[in-house]
Amino acid sequence: MIISRTPYRISFFGGGTDYHAWYREHGGAVLSTTINHYCYLTCRYLPPFFKEKSRVVWSRIENVMDNADIQHPAVRAVLQYFADETNGVEVSHSGDLPARSGLGSSSAFTVGLLNSMNALQARMSNKRELACEAVHIERDILQENVGVQDQIAVAYGGFNKITILQTGDFVVEPVIISQARLQELQSHFLLFFTGVSRNATDIVAEQVKTIGNKTAELTAMRELVDEAIDVVTNTRDIKEFGRLLHETWQIKRSLSKGISPQFVDDIYEKARNAGAIGGKLLGAGGGGFMLFFAPPERHVEIKQALEELLWVPFSFETGGSSIIFYDPATYSADSLARRNFHHLKEEPRDSSSASDDKVLVMPPKKRILTV
């Protein structure tokens, strides 16, 4: 059995420049952090006593005879990616926060499952491979409208500047600041759940169509990445980070009508009136989590103004996706291959075939290293 733990992320600046249609021509950059709320995935080979090929436990329970029949898109796609070397598996998901809410939960799931599946097959995953394979799963196999920042952020972990080159290569640079400065920054944040989940790929589809007409806006959002880093790494007033968040939110909400519906505008206005310097809706837009930046002494007032919303405390984390429990397979490849033996019909066995002592040895897999 394998258990992976993958953090969710908060993206501060540069969102939109990580879409393939933009960075292939202009390059991109993002400033983001992972937080101490996680996606957990338990993965094991399904014991041969089960008649099903695989079992998937998420908001529903799926028992399938063919992995192609799995309804969960990411699980189906990852098992398709490992199709030539995967026996029946059991995958179970548990998350600290709601899905489809702007915290990169979909990518945390994909990265965590890739990490678990590689570990299940006795392969170590490095962070670059996890990020690139997750992009391949979501963008190329599932054909979703996704950027690449989420997969990179949750695979690596930490408070980072992510630079995406036109070639599809990328560089992850930790933002180097003192612990005191980091705590000062973190103490100004408030995170609220609007109660509305949405399908990001639908909202992003409209943005991607109009990217060619938004050069000025996306260029400005890219420039704010370096401006924000300059604020936190120097002696400038930390409140300037909040002002930059307000600026990037005004630009972002102009990219598409679906990003900021009226109820989001109302929440933002309430928070600003109660003392927030700036903030933004996280993720693609439409709903999910909202982040605000305010002096700590104004937090109580803001919470009261937004009392209908759920406040979620958080702190930064640096671990990224990791395997937190590793116990090699209990059953051999041969026994797993004979999973239907319990159907009251004894299948004849070739005495020359491998015994049940055969171990699972997987060939090297060609890894994807760019996005």
Protein backbone atom coordinates (compact mmCIF):
# COMPACT_ATOMS: atom_id res chain seq x y z
CA MET A 1 0.00 0.00 0.00
CA ILE A 2 1.13 3.53 -0.87
CA ILE A 3 -0.13 6.82 0.59
CA SER A 4 0.79 10.11 -1.04
CA ARG A 5 0.21 13.59 0.34
CA THR A 6 0.10 16.55 -2.06
CA PRO A 7 -0.51 20.17 -0.98
CA TYR A 8 -2.98 22.61 -2.45
CA ARG A 9 -1.63 25.93 -3.72
CA ILE A 10 -2.39 29.64 -3.67
CA SER A 11 -1.41 31.60 -6.77
CA PHE A 12 -0.67 35.28 -6.14
CA PHE A 13 0.54 36.74 -9.44
CA GLY A 14 1.07 35.73 -13.06
CA GLY A 15 -1.95 33.50 -13.56
CA GLY A 16 -2.89 33.31 -17.24
CA THR A 17 0.72 33.50 -18.45
CA ASP A 18 1.05 29.76 -17.79
CA TYR A 19 -1.32 28.73 -20.58
CA HIS A 20 0.27 27.00 -23.55
CA ALA A 21 -1.19 29.52 -26.01
CA TRP A 22 0.63 32.34 -24.18
CA TYR A 23 3.96 31.00 -22.92
CA ARG A 24 4.86 29.30 -26.21
CA GLU A 25 5.07 32.80 -27.71
CA HIS A 26 5.89 35.07 -24.78
CA GLY A 27 7.09 32.92 -21.89
CA GLY A 28 5.39 33.20 -18.51
CA ALA A 29 5.96 33.55 -14.78
CA VAL A 30 3.94 32.91 -11.63
CA LEU A 31 4.39 33.66 -7.94
CA SER A 32 2.66 31.09 -5.74
CA THR A 33 2.87 29.07 -2.56
CA THR A 34 1.67 25.72 -1.37
CA ILE A 35 -0.29 25.56 1.88
CA ASN A 36 -0.76 23.10 4.73
CA HIS A 37 -3.99 21.58 3.38
CA TYR A 38 -3.59 18.40 1.37
CA CYS A 39 -4.92 15.81 -1.05
CA TYR A 40 -4.31 12.25 0.20
CA LEU A 41 -4.33 9.24 -2.11
CA THR A 42 -4.11 5.62 -1.01
CA CYS A 43 -3.14 3.18 -3.73
CA ARG A 44 -2.58 -0.57 -3.75
CA TYR A 45 -2.89 -3.53 -6.06
CA LEU A 46 -6.39 -4.90 -5.66
CA PRO A 47 -6.11 -8.32 -3.97
CA PRO A 48 -6.92 -11.26 -6.27
CA PHE A 49 -9.97 -12.20 -4.16
CA PHE A 50 -11.92 -9.40 -5.84
CA LYS A 51 -13.55 -10.13 -9.16
CA GLU A 52 -13.28 -6.49 -10.24
CA LYS A 53 -10.35 -5.17 -12.23
CA SER A 54 -10.11 -1.98 -10.16
CA ARG A 55 -11.85 -0.12 -7.35
CA VAL A 56 -11.94 3.69 -7.02
CA VAL A 57 -13.23 5.47 -3.93
CA TRP A 58 -13.90 9.20 -4.17
CA SER A 59 -17.27 10.99 -3.82
CA ARG A 60 -18.63 7.72 -5.17
CA ILE A 61 -17.41 4.12 -5.18
CA GLU A 62 -16.59 2.53 -8.54
CA ASN A 63 -16.01 -1.18 -9.08
CA VAL A 64 -15.06 -1.87 -12.70
CA MET A 65 -14.07 -4.85 -14.78
CA ASP A 66 -12.23 -2.64 -17.27
CA ASN A 67 -10.22 0.48 -16.35
CA ALA A 68 -11.67 2.23 -19.39
CA ASP A 69 -15.03 2.21 -17.58
CA ILE A 70 -13.75 4.30 -14.65
CA GLN A 71 -15.80 7.50 -14.38
CA HIS A 72 -13.22 9.56 -12.49
CA PRO A 73 -11.37 11.22 -15.41
CA ALA A 74 -7.95 11.62 -13.76
CA VAL A 75 -7.87 8.05 -12.43
CA ARG A 76 -8.93 6.69 -15.81
CA ALA A 77 -6.29 8.77 -17.60
CA VAL A 78 -3.45 7.89 -15.22
CA LEU A 79 -4.24 4.17 -15.48
CA GLN A 80 -4.37 4.61 -19.25
CA TYR A 81 -0.91 6.20 -19.05
CA PHE A 82 0.35 3.12 -17.16
CA ALA A 83 -1.75 0.71 -19.24
CA ASP A 84 1.07 -1.61 -20.26
CA GLU A 85 2.20 -2.28 -16.69
CA THR A 86 -0.81 -2.00 -14.39
CA ASN A 87 -2.72 -4.82 -12.79
CA GLY A 88 -5.99 -4.11 -11.02
CA VAL A 89 -5.67 -1.33 -8.44
CA GLU A 90 -7.60 0.23 -5.62
CA VAL A 91 -7.43 4.03 -5.36
CA SER A 92 -8.95 5.94 -2.46
CA HIS A 93 -9.06 9.75 -2.21
CA SER A 94 -9.43 12.07 0.76
CA GLY A 95 -9.00 15.85 0.61
CA ASP A 96 -8.80 18.56 3.26
CA LEU A 97 -10.66 21.14 1.14
CA PRO A 98 -13.39 21.06 -1.56
CA ALA A 99 -12.56 20.23 -5.16
CA ARG A 100 -13.02 22.70 -8.04
CA SER A 101 -12.45 25.66 -5.76
CA GLY A 102 -9.36 27.46 -7.11
CA LEU A 103 -6.65 25.84 -4.99
CA GLY A 104 -5.22 23.52 -7.64
CA SER A 105 -7.04 20.47 -6.23
CA SER A 106 -7.36 18.75 -9.62
CA SER A 107 -3.63 18.96 -10.23
CA ALA A 108 -2.88 17.93 -6.64
CA PHE A 109 -4.96 14.81 -7.30
CA THR A 110 -3.20 14.02 -10.59
CA VAL A 111 0.29 14.66 -9.20
CA GLY A 112 -0.46 12.61 -6.08
CA LEU A 113 -1.82 9.69 -8.08
CA LEU A 114 1.19 9.69 -10.39
CA ASN A 115 3.46 9.74 -7.35
CA SER A 116 1.56 6.83 -5.81
CA MET A 117 1.44 4.75 -8.98
CA ASN A 118 5.17 5.15 -9.59
CA ALA A 119 5.89 4.16 -5.99
CA LEU A 120 3.56 1.18 -6.30
CA GLN A 121 5.75 0.01 -9.17
CA ALA A 122 8.99 0.64 -7.25
CA ARG A 123 9.92 3.79 -9.17
CA MET A 124 11.10 7.00 -7.56
CA SER A 125 9.52 10.18 -8.92
CA ASN A 126 11.36 13.46 -8.96
CA LYS A 127 9.41 16.70 -8.82
CA ARG A 128 10.03 17.73 -12.42
CA GLU A 129 8.80 14.39 -13.73
CA LEU A 130 5.65 14.57 -11.62
CA ALA A 131 4.82 18.07 -12.83
CA CYS A 132 5.42 17.30 -16.51
CA GLU A 133 3.56 13.99 -16.44
CA ALA A 134 0.60 15.67 -14.72
CA VAL A 135 0.48 18.34 -17.45
CA HIS A 136 0.55 15.56 -20.05
CA ILE A 137 -2.32 13.73 -18.34
CA GLU A 138 -4.54 16.79 -17.97
CA ARG A 139 -3.80 18.65 -21.18
CA ASP A 140 -2.92 15.93 -23.70
CA ILE A 141 -4.87 12.87 -22.55
CA LEU A 142 -7.91 14.51 -20.92
CA GLN A 143 -7.84 17.45 -23.38
CA GLU A 144 -8.66 19.93 -20.60
CA ASN A 145 -8.09 23.67 -20.78
CA VAL A 146 -5.36 23.93 -18.17
CA GLY A 147 -2.27 25.95 -17.48
CA VAL A 148 0.91 24.46 -16.08
CA GLN A 149 1.47 26.40 -12.86
CA ASP A 150 -0.65 24.16 -10.61
CA GLN A 151 1.09 20.92 -11.49
CA ILE A 152 4.52 22.49 -10.96
CA ALA A 153 3.56 24.25 -7.72
CA VAL A 154 2.04 21.23 -5.96
CA ALA A 155 4.78 18.86 -7.12
CA TYR A 156 7.60 21.11 -5.83
CA GLY A 157 6.00 22.78 -2.83
CA GLY A 158 7.11 26.07 -1.31
CA PHE A 159 6.86 29.83 -1.90
CA ASN A 160 8.30 30.07 -5.41
CA LYS A 161 8.68 32.05 -8.58
CA ILE A 162 7.95 29.68 -11.47
CA THR A 163 9.33 30.85 -14.82
CA ILE A 164 8.00 29.07 -17.92
CA LEU A 165 10.12 29.29 -21.05
CA GLN A 166 8.87 29.31 -24.62
CA THR A 167 10.45 25.89 -25.11
CA GLY A 168 8.22 24.33 -22.45
CA ASP A 169 11.08 24.12 -19.98
CA PHE A 170 10.61 25.81 -16.61
CA VAL A 171 12.60 27.03 -13.62
CA VAL A 172 11.41 26.92 -10.01
CA GLU A 173 13.12 29.50 -7.79
CA PRO A 174 12.33 29.62 -4.05
CA VAL A 175 11.77 33.17 -2.86
CA ILE A 176 14.54 33.81 -0.34
CA ILE A 177 13.31 35.90 2.58
CA SER A 178 13.83 35.82 6.34
CA GLN A 179 11.52 33.81 8.56
CA ALA A 180 10.35 37.02 10.21
CA ARG A 181 9.45 38.58 6.85
CA LEU A 182 7.67 35.40 5.77
CA GLN A 183 5.62 35.37 8.98
CA GLU A 184 4.79 39.06 8.51
CA LEU A 185 3.54 38.33 5.00
CA GLN A 186 1.54 35.30 6.07
CA SER A 187 -0.07 37.16 8.97
CA HIS A 188 -1.80 39.53 6.54
CA PHE A 189 -3.74 36.84 4.63
CA LEU A 190 -7.33 35.71 5.07
CA LEU A 191 -8.81 32.83 3.07
CA PHE A 192 -12.58 32.37 2.64
CA PHE A 193 -14.67 29.75 0.84
CA THR A 194 -17.54 31.25 -1.14
CA GLY A 195 -19.47 27.98 -1.06
CA VAL A 196 -19.55 27.84 -4.86
CA SER A 197 -17.57 25.23 -6.79
CA ARG A 198 -17.13 25.46 -10.55
CA ASN A 199 -15.61 23.69 -13.53
CA ALA A 200 -12.46 25.69 -14.28
CA THR A 201 -11.95 24.26 -17.76
CA ASP A 202 -15.16 25.91 -19.02
CA ILE A 203 -14.10 29.35 -17.75
CA VAL A 204 -10.56 28.94 -19.06
CA ALA A 205 -11.81 27.98 -22.53
CA GLU A 206 -13.15 31.51 -23.05
CA GLN A 207 -9.93 33.08 -21.76
CA VAL A 208 -7.76 30.98 -24.06
CA LYS A 209 -9.83 32.00 -27.09
CA THR A 210 -9.15 35.68 -26.41
CA ILE A 211 -5.50 35.46 -25.31
CA GLY A 212 -4.34 37.08 -28.54
CA ASN A 213 -6.39 40.17 -27.69
CA LYS A 214 -5.14 40.43 -24.10
CA THR A 215 -1.43 41.01 -24.66
CA ALA A 216 -1.29 44.22 -22.62
CA GLU A 217 -3.19 42.69 -19.68
CA LEU A 218 -1.16 39.49 -19.51
CA THR A 219 2.11 41.38 -19.90
CA ALA A 220 1.13 43.57 -16.95
CA MET A 221 0.22 40.50 -14.87
CA ARG A 222 3.61 38.98 -15.67
CA GLU A 223 5.41 42.17 -14.60
CA LEU A 224 3.59 42.16 -11.26
CA VAL A 225 5.36 38.89 -10.38
CA ASP A 226 8.75 40.61 -10.16
CA GLU A 227 7.26 43.68 -8.49
CA ALA A 228 5.74 41.53 -5.74
CA ILE A 229 9.00 39.64 -5.20
CA ASP A 230 10.78 42.98 -4.84
CA VAL A 231 8.29 43.97 -2.13
CA VAL A 232 8.79 40.86 0.01
CA THR A 233 12.56 40.54 -0.46
CA ASN A 234 13.38 44.16 0.37
CA THR A 235 12.41 46.65 3.07
CA ARG A 236 9.39 48.05 1.26
CA ASP A 237 6.12 48.36 3.18
CA ILE A 238 4.47 44.93 3.21
CA LYS A 239 1.12 46.61 2.48
CA GLU A 240 2.33 47.15 -1.08
CA PHE A 241 1.87 43.40 -1.62
CA GLY A 242 -1.85 43.90 -0.94
CA ARG A 243 -2.03 46.85 -3.33
CA LEU A 244 -0.45 44.72 -6.04
CA LEU A 245 -3.00 41.97 -5.36
CA HIS A 246 -5.77 44.51 -5.87
CA GLU A 247 -4.16 45.60 -9.14
CA THR A 248 -3.76 42.09 -10.49
CA TRP A 249 -7.36 41.25 -9.55
CA GLN A 250 -8.68 44.25 -11.48
CA ILE A 251 -6.71 43.10 -14.53
CA LYS A 252 -7.72 39.46 -14.15
CA ARG A 253 -11.44 40.15 -13.85
CA SER A 254 -11.27 42.08 -17.14
CA LEU A 255 -10.05 39.01 -19.05
CA SER A 256 -13.45 37.29 -19.16
CA LYS A 257 -17.02 37.94 -18.04
CA GLY A 258 -17.16 34.59 -16.25
CA ILE A 259 -14.26 35.27 -13.90
CA SER A 260 -16.03 37.58 -11.45
CA PRO A 261 -19.81 37.14 -11.18
CA GLN A 262 -21.80 39.70 -9.20
CA PHE A 263 -21.73 37.77 -5.92
CA VAL A 264 -17.91 37.73 -6.06
CA ASP A 265 -17.82 41.49 -6.66
CA ASP A 266 -20.11 41.95 -3.66
CA ILE A 267 -17.85 39.87 -1.42
CA TYR A 268 -14.78 41.77 -2.58
CA GLU A 269 -16.43 45.13 -1.90
CA LYS A 270 -17.48 44.05 1.61
CA ALA A 271 -13.94 42.94 2.41
CA ARG A 272 -12.42 46.17 1.09
CA ASN A 273 -14.88 48.28 3.06
CA ALA A 274 -13.94 46.33 6.19
CA GLY A 275 -10.22 46.97 5.79
CA ALA A 276 -8.78 44.63 3.16
CA ILE A 277 -6.07 46.30 1.08
CA GLY A 278 -6.44 43.86 -1.79
CA GLY A 279 -7.32 40.32 -2.69
CA LYS A 280 -8.45 38.06 -5.47
CA LEU A 281 -10.57 35.09 -6.37
CA LEU A 282 -8.27 32.10 -6.63
CA GLY A 283 -8.07 29.85 -9.66
CA ALA A 284 -9.82 30.38 -12.97
CA GLY A 285 -12.74 32.33 -11.51
CA GLY A 286 -16.47 31.92 -11.09
CA GLY A 287 -16.36 30.81 -7.45
CA GLY A 288 -14.29 28.84 -4.99
CA PHE A 289 -11.88 30.46 -2.52
CA MET A 290 -11.15 34.15 -2.12
CA LEU A 291 -7.89 35.47 -0.66
CA PHE A 292 -7.62 38.85 1.07
CA PHE A 293 -4.64 40.85 2.28
CA ALA A 294 -5.22 43.07 5.30
CA PRO A 295 -3.45 44.33 8.41
CA PRO A 296 -3.90 41.74 11.19
CA GLU A 297 -5.75 44.29 13.34
CA ARG A 298 -8.52 44.46 10.69
CA HIS A 299 -9.05 40.71 10.43
CA VAL A 300 -11.85 40.52 13.00
CA GLU A 301 -13.78 43.24 11.20
CA ILE A 302 -13.38 41.50 7.85
CA LYS A 303 -14.50 38.15 9.28
CA GLN A 304 -17.60 39.84 10.68
CA ALA A 305 -18.34 41.48 7.33
CA LEU A 306 -18.04 38.07 5.63
CA GLU A 307 -19.67 36.02 8.38
CA GLU A 308 -21.75 34.09 5.83
CA LEU A 309 -18.54 32.64 4.37
CA LEU A 310 -16.29 29.94 5.81
CA TRP A 311 -12.92 31.27 6.99
CA VAL A 312 -10.10 28.74 6.47
CA PRO A 313 -6.85 29.33 8.39
CA PHE A 314 -3.68 28.20 6.61
CA SER A 315 0.09 28.48 6.63
CA PHE A 316 2.75 28.09 3.94
CA GLU A 317 4.36 24.68 3.42
CA THR A 318 7.49 23.55 1.58
CA GLY A 319 7.26 19.78 1.13
CA GLY A 320 5.36 19.39 -2.13
CA SER A 321 4.01 16.01 -3.16
CA SER A 322 5.47 13.20 -1.07
CA ILE A 323 5.02 9.52 -0.26
CA ILE A 324 4.15 9.39 3.44
CA PHE A 325 3.58 5.62 3.65
CA TYR A 326 5.27 2.92 1.58
CA ASP A 327 4.63 -0.81 1.98
CA PRO A 328 5.55 -2.96 -1.05
CA ALA A 329 2.97 -5.16 -2.76
CA THR A 330 1.63 -8.08 -0.76
CA TYR A 331 0.69 -10.12 -3.81
CA SER A 332 2.93 -11.30 -6.62
CA ALA A 333 2.43 -10.47 -10.28
CA ASP A 334 1.44 -14.06 -10.98
CA SER A 335 -1.26 -14.19 -8.32
CA LEU A 336 -2.64 -10.83 -9.40
CA ALA A 337 -2.82 -12.05 -12.99
CA ARG A 338 -4.95 -14.95 -11.79
CA ARG A 339 -7.43 -12.74 -9.92
CA ASN A 340 -10.45 -14.76 -11.17
CA PHE A 341 -9.34 -18.01 -9.51
CA HIS A 342 -12.13 -17.77 -6.91
CA HIS A 343 -14.91 -18.30 -9.47
CA LEU A 344 -15.18 -21.97 -8.44
CA LYS A 345 -13.29 -23.04 -11.52
CA GLU A 346 -9.70 -24.11 -11.14
CA GLU A 347 -7.70 -22.93 -14.12
CA PRO A 348 -4.95 -25.33 -15.25
CA ARG A 349 -1.46 -24.00 -14.72
CA ASP A 350 1.59 -24.61 -16.79
CA SER A 351 4.14 -26.20 -14.47
CA SER A 352 6.85 -24.27 -16.29
CA SER A 353 5.23 -20.91 -15.54
CA ALA A 354 6.58 -18.54 -12.92
CA SER A 355 5.71 -19.32 -9.32
CA ASP A 356 3.87 -17.09 -6.89
CA ASP A 357 7.26 -15.94 -5.67
CA LYS A 358 7.68 -13.86 -8.81
CA VAL A 359 8.20 -10.21 -7.87
CA LEU A 360 6.90 -7.10 -9.59
CA VAL A 361 9.77 -5.75 -11.68
CA MET A 362 8.84 -2.88 -13.94
CA PRO A 363 10.91 -1.69 -16.91
CA PRO A 364 12.23 1.88 -16.95
CA LYS A 365 9.56 4.27 -18.16
CA LYS A 366 10.39 7.08 -20.55
CA ARG A 367 9.79 10.25 -18.56
CA ILE A 368 8.40 13.60 -19.73
CA LEU A 369 10.59 16.54 -18.72
CA THR A 370 9.01 19.64 -20.29
CA VAL A 371 5.55 21.17 -20.32
